[in-house]
Amino acid sequence: MAERPDLLDDASTPPRPDITAVVRELVEEAVTQGISPASPQADPAVARLTARCALAAGRPDDAQLRSWLLHRLEAANDPRRDRYFQLLAVVNGWPAPEPVVPVIDWSVQALRVRTDR
C-alpha cells in the first residue's frame, strides 16, 4: 500500500472524528493544567495524540505522520473558527461552545518542538 499523507481524510475509509475534537479530547487536560508544550511533561499528551492519529491512519507514528498532523493543525488554527461556532450557537439557541484555539495552539507548539528535534 502506498503511503498517503492525506489518509486520514480518505473517503474510502470509515468516518473519523474531526481532528480538532481529537486534539481537544487528548490535550485539553495538559492545557488546563498549564503544562508548557515544550516541556517533557507534555510528552504523554503528544504521544497520545500522535498514537491516535497513527492508529486511525493505519501507519506508524513517525516523522511523516507528525509533520502531516502539524500541517493539519496549523491549517485548522484560525481564531475565526471559534467565533463562527459562538455565533452559530447564538443563532440556534445552543449552549456556547468551548473555544478550541487554546488546545490547537498548544498542540501546534508541542508538535513543532518535537518535530525540530
N, C-alpha and C. Protein backbone atom coordinates (compact mmCIF):
# COMPACT_ATOMS: atom_id res chain seq x y z
N MET A 1 0.84 -1.18 0.00
CA MET A 1 0.00 0.00 0.00
C MET A 1 0.88 1.24 0.00
N ALA A 2 0.64 2.14 -0.91
CA ALA A 2 1.42 3.38 -0.98
C ALA A 2 1.06 4.29 0.18
N GLU A 3 2.05 4.98 0.71
CA GLU A 3 1.77 5.91 1.81
C GLU A 3 1.09 7.14 1.27
N ARG A 4 0.08 7.57 2.00
CA ARG A 4 -0.67 8.75 1.59
C ARG A 4 -0.76 9.69 2.77
N PRO A 5 -0.20 10.89 2.65
CA PRO A 5 -0.25 11.82 3.77
C PRO A 5 -1.67 12.27 4.09
N ASP A 6 -2.60 12.11 3.16
CA ASP A 6 -3.97 12.55 3.41
C ASP A 6 -4.86 11.39 3.82
N LEU A 7 -4.28 10.27 4.24
CA LEU A 7 -5.05 9.07 4.51
C LEU A 7 -6.16 9.29 5.53
N LEU A 8 -5.96 10.13 6.49
CA LEU A 8 -6.99 10.34 7.50
C LEU A 8 -8.24 10.98 6.89
N ASP A 9 -8.14 11.55 5.71
CA ASP A 9 -9.28 12.19 5.09
C ASP A 9 -9.81 11.38 3.91
N ASP A 10 -9.27 10.19 3.68
CA ASP A 10 -9.65 9.37 2.54
C ASP A 10 -11.11 8.95 2.67
N ALA A 11 -11.91 9.25 1.64
CA ALA A 11 -13.33 8.96 1.67
C ALA A 11 -13.62 7.46 1.69
N SER A 12 -12.67 6.62 1.29
CA SER A 12 -12.91 5.19 1.27
C SER A 12 -12.72 4.54 2.64
N THR A 13 -12.28 5.31 3.63
CA THR A 13 -12.12 4.78 4.98
C THR A 13 -13.33 5.19 5.81
N PRO A 14 -13.57 4.49 6.92
CA PRO A 14 -14.71 4.86 7.77
C PRO A 14 -14.56 6.28 8.29
N PRO A 15 -15.66 6.94 8.58
CA PRO A 15 -15.59 8.31 9.11
C PRO A 15 -14.80 8.34 10.42
N ARG A 16 -14.07 9.40 10.61
CA ARG A 16 -13.30 9.59 11.83
C ARG A 16 -13.69 10.92 12.46
N PRO A 17 -13.47 11.02 13.76
CA PRO A 17 -13.79 12.30 14.41
C PRO A 17 -12.95 13.43 13.82
N ASP A 18 -13.50 14.61 13.84
CA ASP A 18 -12.78 15.79 13.40
C ASP A 18 -11.48 15.89 14.20
N ILE A 19 -10.40 16.27 13.53
CA ILE A 19 -9.10 16.33 14.17
C ILE A 19 -9.10 17.28 15.37
N THR A 20 -9.88 18.35 15.29
CA THR A 20 -9.92 19.28 16.43
C THR A 20 -10.61 18.64 17.64
N ALA A 21 -11.59 17.77 17.41
CA ALA A 21 -12.24 17.06 18.52
C ALA A 21 -11.26 16.10 19.18
N VAL A 22 -10.46 15.43 18.36
CA VAL A 22 -9.45 14.51 18.89
C VAL A 22 -8.41 15.28 19.69
N VAL A 23 -7.97 16.41 19.16
CA VAL A 23 -6.99 17.24 19.87
C VAL A 23 -7.56 17.68 21.21
N ARG A 24 -8.78 18.17 21.20
CA ARG A 24 -9.39 18.63 22.45
C ARG A 24 -9.44 17.50 23.47
N GLU A 25 -9.88 16.34 23.04
CA GLU A 25 -10.01 15.19 23.93
C GLU A 25 -8.67 14.79 24.55
N LEU A 26 -7.62 14.83 23.76
CA LEU A 26 -6.35 14.27 24.21
C LEU A 26 -5.38 15.26 24.85
N VAL A 27 -5.53 16.55 24.59
CA VAL A 27 -4.56 17.50 25.16
C VAL A 27 -5.19 18.56 26.06
N GLU A 28 -6.51 18.59 26.14
CA GLU A 28 -7.15 19.63 26.95
C GLU A 28 -6.70 19.61 28.41
N GLU A 29 -6.51 18.43 28.96
CA GLU A 29 -6.06 18.34 30.35
C GLU A 29 -4.69 18.99 30.54
N ALA A 30 -3.78 18.76 29.61
CA ALA A 30 -2.44 19.36 29.70
C ALA A 30 -2.54 20.88 29.62
N VAL A 31 -3.41 21.38 28.75
CA VAL A 31 -3.60 22.82 28.62
C VAL A 31 -4.18 23.39 29.91
N THR A 32 -5.20 22.72 30.43
CA THR A 32 -5.86 23.17 31.67
C THR A 32 -4.89 23.19 32.84
N GLN A 33 -3.98 22.21 32.87
CA GLN A 33 -3.01 22.14 33.96
C GLN A 33 -1.86 23.12 33.81
N GLY A 34 -1.83 23.82 32.68
CA GLY A 34 -0.78 24.80 32.46
C GLY A 34 0.57 24.20 32.09
N ILE A 35 0.56 23.00 31.56
CA ILE A 35 1.81 22.35 31.15
C ILE A 35 2.33 23.04 29.89
N SER A 36 3.57 23.42 29.91
CA SER A 36 4.18 24.05 28.74
C SER A 36 4.28 23.03 27.61
N PRO A 37 3.92 23.43 26.39
CA PRO A 37 4.01 22.49 25.27
C PRO A 37 5.45 22.04 24.97
N ALA A 38 6.43 22.82 25.42
CA ALA A 38 7.83 22.47 25.17
C ALA A 38 8.44 21.60 26.27
N SER A 39 7.72 21.43 27.36
CA SER A 39 8.29 20.70 28.49
C SER A 39 8.16 19.19 28.32
N PRO A 40 9.01 18.44 28.98
CA PRO A 40 8.90 16.98 28.95
C PRO A 40 7.56 16.49 29.52
N GLN A 41 6.94 17.28 30.38
CA GLN A 41 5.63 16.91 30.93
C GLN A 41 4.56 16.83 29.84
N ALA A 42 4.80 17.47 28.70
CA ALA A 42 3.84 17.44 27.59
C ALA A 42 3.97 16.18 26.75
N ASP A 43 5.06 15.45 26.91
CA ASP A 43 5.31 14.27 26.08
C ASP A 43 4.16 13.26 26.09
N PRO A 44 3.58 12.92 27.25
CA PRO A 44 2.49 11.93 27.22
C PRO A 44 1.28 12.39 26.40
N ALA A 45 0.92 13.65 26.49
CA ALA A 45 -0.23 14.15 25.72
C ALA A 45 0.07 14.12 24.22
N VAL A 46 1.27 14.50 23.85
CA VAL A 46 1.67 14.47 22.44
C VAL A 46 1.71 13.03 21.95
N ALA A 47 2.21 12.13 22.76
CA ALA A 47 2.28 10.72 22.38
C ALA A 47 0.89 10.13 22.18
N ARG A 48 -0.06 10.50 23.05
CA ARG A 48 -1.44 10.01 22.89
C ARG A 48 -2.04 10.54 21.59
N LEU A 49 -1.79 11.80 21.30
CA LEU A 49 -2.33 12.41 20.09
C LEU A 49 -1.77 11.76 18.83
N THR A 50 -0.46 11.63 18.77
CA THR A 50 0.14 11.06 17.56
C THR A 50 -0.20 9.57 17.43
N ALA A 51 -0.28 8.87 18.56
CA ALA A 51 -0.65 7.45 18.52
C ALA A 51 -2.07 7.27 17.98
N ARG A 52 -2.98 8.13 18.42
CA ARG A 52 -4.37 8.04 17.94
C ARG A 52 -4.43 8.30 16.45
N CYS A 53 -3.71 9.29 15.97
CA CYS A 53 -3.69 9.60 14.53
C CYS A 53 -3.05 8.48 13.74
N ALA A 54 -1.98 7.89 14.27
CA ALA A 54 -1.32 6.78 13.59
C ALA A 54 -2.25 5.58 13.50
N LEU A 55 -2.94 5.29 14.57
CA LEU A 55 -3.89 4.18 14.58
C LEU A 55 -5.00 4.41 13.56
N ALA A 56 -5.54 5.63 13.54
CA ALA A 56 -6.61 5.95 12.60
C ALA A 56 -6.14 5.82 11.15
N ALA A 57 -4.88 6.15 10.92
CA ALA A 57 -4.34 6.09 9.56
C ALA A 57 -3.79 4.72 9.21
N GLY A 58 -3.64 3.85 10.20
CA GLY A 58 -3.09 2.54 9.96
C GLY A 58 -1.64 2.59 9.52
N ARG A 59 -0.90 3.47 10.13
CA ARG A 59 0.51 3.64 9.77
C ARG A 59 1.31 3.96 11.01
N PRO A 60 2.64 3.92 10.92
CA PRO A 60 3.45 4.17 12.11
C PRO A 60 3.40 5.62 12.56
N ASP A 61 3.63 5.77 13.85
CA ASP A 61 3.75 7.10 14.45
C ASP A 61 5.19 7.53 14.18
N ASP A 62 5.39 8.19 13.06
CA ASP A 62 6.74 8.56 12.66
C ASP A 62 6.79 10.05 12.32
N ALA A 63 7.94 10.48 11.83
CA ALA A 63 8.14 11.90 11.50
C ALA A 63 7.17 12.37 10.42
N GLN A 64 6.87 11.51 9.45
CA GLN A 64 5.95 11.91 8.38
C GLN A 64 4.54 12.14 8.93
N LEU A 65 4.09 11.27 9.81
CA LEU A 65 2.77 11.46 10.41
C LEU A 65 2.74 12.72 11.25
N ARG A 66 3.78 12.95 12.03
CA ARG A 66 3.82 14.14 12.88
C ARG A 66 3.87 15.41 12.04
N SER A 67 4.58 15.37 10.94
CA SER A 67 4.62 16.52 10.03
C SER A 67 3.25 16.78 9.43
N TRP A 68 2.56 15.71 9.02
CA TRP A 68 1.20 15.85 8.47
C TRP A 68 0.28 16.46 9.52
N LEU A 69 0.36 15.93 10.74
CA LEU A 69 -0.50 16.42 11.82
C LEU A 69 -0.22 17.89 12.12
N LEU A 70 1.04 18.27 12.17
CA LEU A 70 1.40 19.66 12.41
C LEU A 70 0.82 20.56 11.32
N HIS A 71 0.99 20.16 10.08
CA HIS A 71 0.44 20.95 8.96
C HIS A 71 -1.08 21.07 9.08
N ARG A 72 -1.72 19.98 9.40
CA ARG A 72 -3.18 19.97 9.53
C ARG A 72 -3.66 20.88 10.65
N LEU A 73 -2.99 20.85 11.77
CA LEU A 73 -3.38 21.69 12.90
C LEU A 73 -3.08 23.16 12.64
N GLU A 74 -2.00 23.44 11.96
CA GLU A 74 -1.71 24.84 11.59
C GLU A 74 -2.83 25.38 10.70
N ALA A 75 -3.33 24.55 9.79
CA ALA A 75 -4.41 24.98 8.91
C ALA A 75 -5.72 25.18 9.68
N ALA A 76 -5.94 24.38 10.71
CA ALA A 76 -7.17 24.47 11.49
C ALA A 76 -7.11 25.57 12.55
N ASN A 77 -5.94 26.12 12.78
CA ASN A 77 -5.73 27.09 13.86
C ASN A 77 -6.13 28.49 13.42
N ASP A 78 -7.41 28.71 13.35
CA ASP A 78 -7.95 30.00 12.92
C ASP A 78 -8.92 30.49 13.99
N PRO A 79 -8.62 31.62 14.65
CA PRO A 79 -9.50 32.11 15.71
C PRO A 79 -10.92 32.41 15.21
N ARG A 80 -11.06 32.60 13.91
CA ARG A 80 -12.41 32.85 13.37
C ARG A 80 -13.29 31.63 13.52
N ARG A 81 -12.68 30.47 13.60
CA ARG A 81 -13.45 29.23 13.78
C ARG A 81 -14.23 29.28 15.08
N ASP A 82 -13.56 29.66 16.18
CA ASP A 82 -14.24 29.77 17.47
C ASP A 82 -15.36 30.80 17.40
N ARG A 83 -15.09 31.93 16.79
CA ARG A 83 -16.11 32.97 16.68
C ARG A 83 -17.31 32.49 15.87
N TYR A 84 -17.04 31.77 14.79
CA TYR A 84 -18.11 31.23 13.95
C TYR A 84 -19.02 30.31 14.78
N PHE A 85 -18.42 29.40 15.55
CA PHE A 85 -19.23 28.49 16.34
C PHE A 85 -19.96 29.19 17.48
N GLN A 86 -19.38 30.26 18.01
CA GLN A 86 -20.09 31.06 19.02
C GLN A 86 -21.33 31.69 18.40
N LEU A 87 -21.17 32.29 17.23
CA LEU A 87 -22.31 32.92 16.55
C LEU A 87 -23.35 31.89 16.14
N LEU A 88 -22.92 30.75 15.68
CA LEU A 88 -23.83 29.68 15.31
C LEU A 88 -24.66 29.24 16.52
N ALA A 89 -24.03 29.15 17.66
CA ALA A 89 -24.74 28.78 18.89
C ALA A 89 -25.78 29.84 19.26
N VAL A 90 -25.43 31.11 19.13
CA VAL A 90 -26.38 32.19 19.43
C VAL A 90 -27.58 32.11 18.51
N VAL A 91 -27.32 31.99 17.22
CA VAL A 91 -28.40 31.96 16.23
C VAL A 91 -29.33 30.77 16.47
N ASN A 92 -28.76 29.63 16.84
CA ASN A 92 -29.56 28.41 17.00
C ASN A 92 -30.02 28.15 18.43
N GLY A 93 -29.65 29.04 19.36
CA GLY A 93 -30.06 28.86 20.75
C GLY A 93 -29.36 27.70 21.44
N TRP A 94 -28.16 27.39 20.99
CA TRP A 94 -27.37 26.31 21.60
C TRP A 94 -26.49 26.87 22.71
N PRO A 95 -26.01 26.01 23.59
CA PRO A 95 -25.04 26.47 24.59
C PRO A 95 -23.76 26.92 23.88
N ALA A 96 -23.11 27.89 24.46
CA ALA A 96 -21.86 28.39 23.88
C ALA A 96 -20.81 27.29 23.93
N PRO A 97 -20.13 27.05 22.81
CA PRO A 97 -19.09 26.01 22.80
C PRO A 97 -17.81 26.49 23.47
N GLU A 98 -17.04 25.53 23.94
CA GLU A 98 -15.72 25.85 24.48
C GLU A 98 -14.80 26.19 23.32
N PRO A 99 -13.97 27.21 23.46
CA PRO A 99 -13.04 27.55 22.38
C PRO A 99 -12.03 26.43 22.15
N VAL A 100 -11.67 26.23 20.90
CA VAL A 100 -10.73 25.18 20.54
C VAL A 100 -9.33 25.74 20.26
N VAL A 101 -9.24 27.04 20.05
CA VAL A 101 -7.95 27.65 19.72
C VAL A 101 -6.87 27.36 20.77
N PRO A 102 -7.16 27.43 22.07
CA PRO A 102 -6.08 27.16 23.04
C PRO A 102 -5.48 25.76 22.91
N VAL A 103 -6.31 24.74 22.68
CA VAL A 103 -5.76 23.39 22.57
C VAL A 103 -5.03 23.18 21.24
N ILE A 104 -5.51 23.83 20.19
CA ILE A 104 -4.80 23.72 18.92
C ILE A 104 -3.47 24.46 18.98
N ASP A 105 -3.47 25.68 19.54
CA ASP A 105 -2.22 26.43 19.73
C ASP A 105 -1.19 25.59 20.48
N TRP A 106 -1.63 25.01 21.58
CA TRP A 106 -0.75 24.20 22.42
C TRP A 106 -0.20 23.03 21.62
N SER A 107 -1.07 22.35 20.89
CA SER A 107 -0.67 21.18 20.11
C SER A 107 0.32 21.54 19.00
N VAL A 108 0.07 22.65 18.33
CA VAL A 108 0.97 23.11 17.27
C VAL A 108 2.36 23.38 17.87
N GLN A 109 2.39 24.09 18.99
CA GLN A 109 3.67 24.39 19.63
C GLN A 109 4.38 23.12 20.06
N ALA A 110 3.63 22.19 20.65
CA ALA A 110 4.23 20.94 21.12
C ALA A 110 4.77 20.11 19.97
N LEU A 111 4.03 20.03 18.88
CA LEU A 111 4.49 19.28 17.72
C LEU A 111 5.70 19.94 17.05
N ARG A 112 5.70 21.27 16.99
CA ARG A 112 6.85 21.97 16.40
C ARG A 112 8.12 21.66 17.15
N VAL A 113 8.04 21.71 18.47
CA VAL A 113 9.23 21.43 19.30
C VAL A 113 9.72 20.01 19.05
N ARG A 114 8.81 19.07 18.97
CA ARG A 114 9.20 17.67 18.80
C ARG A 114 9.56 17.33 17.37
N THR A 115 9.08 18.09 16.41
CA THR A 115 9.43 17.86 15.01
C THR A 115 10.81 18.41 14.73
N ASP A 116 11.19 19.47 15.42
CA ASP A 116 12.50 20.10 15.22
C ASP A 116 13.63 19.31 15.89
N ARG A 117 13.28 18.37 16.75
CA ARG A 117 14.33 17.62 17.48
C ARG A 117 15.10 16.73 16.58
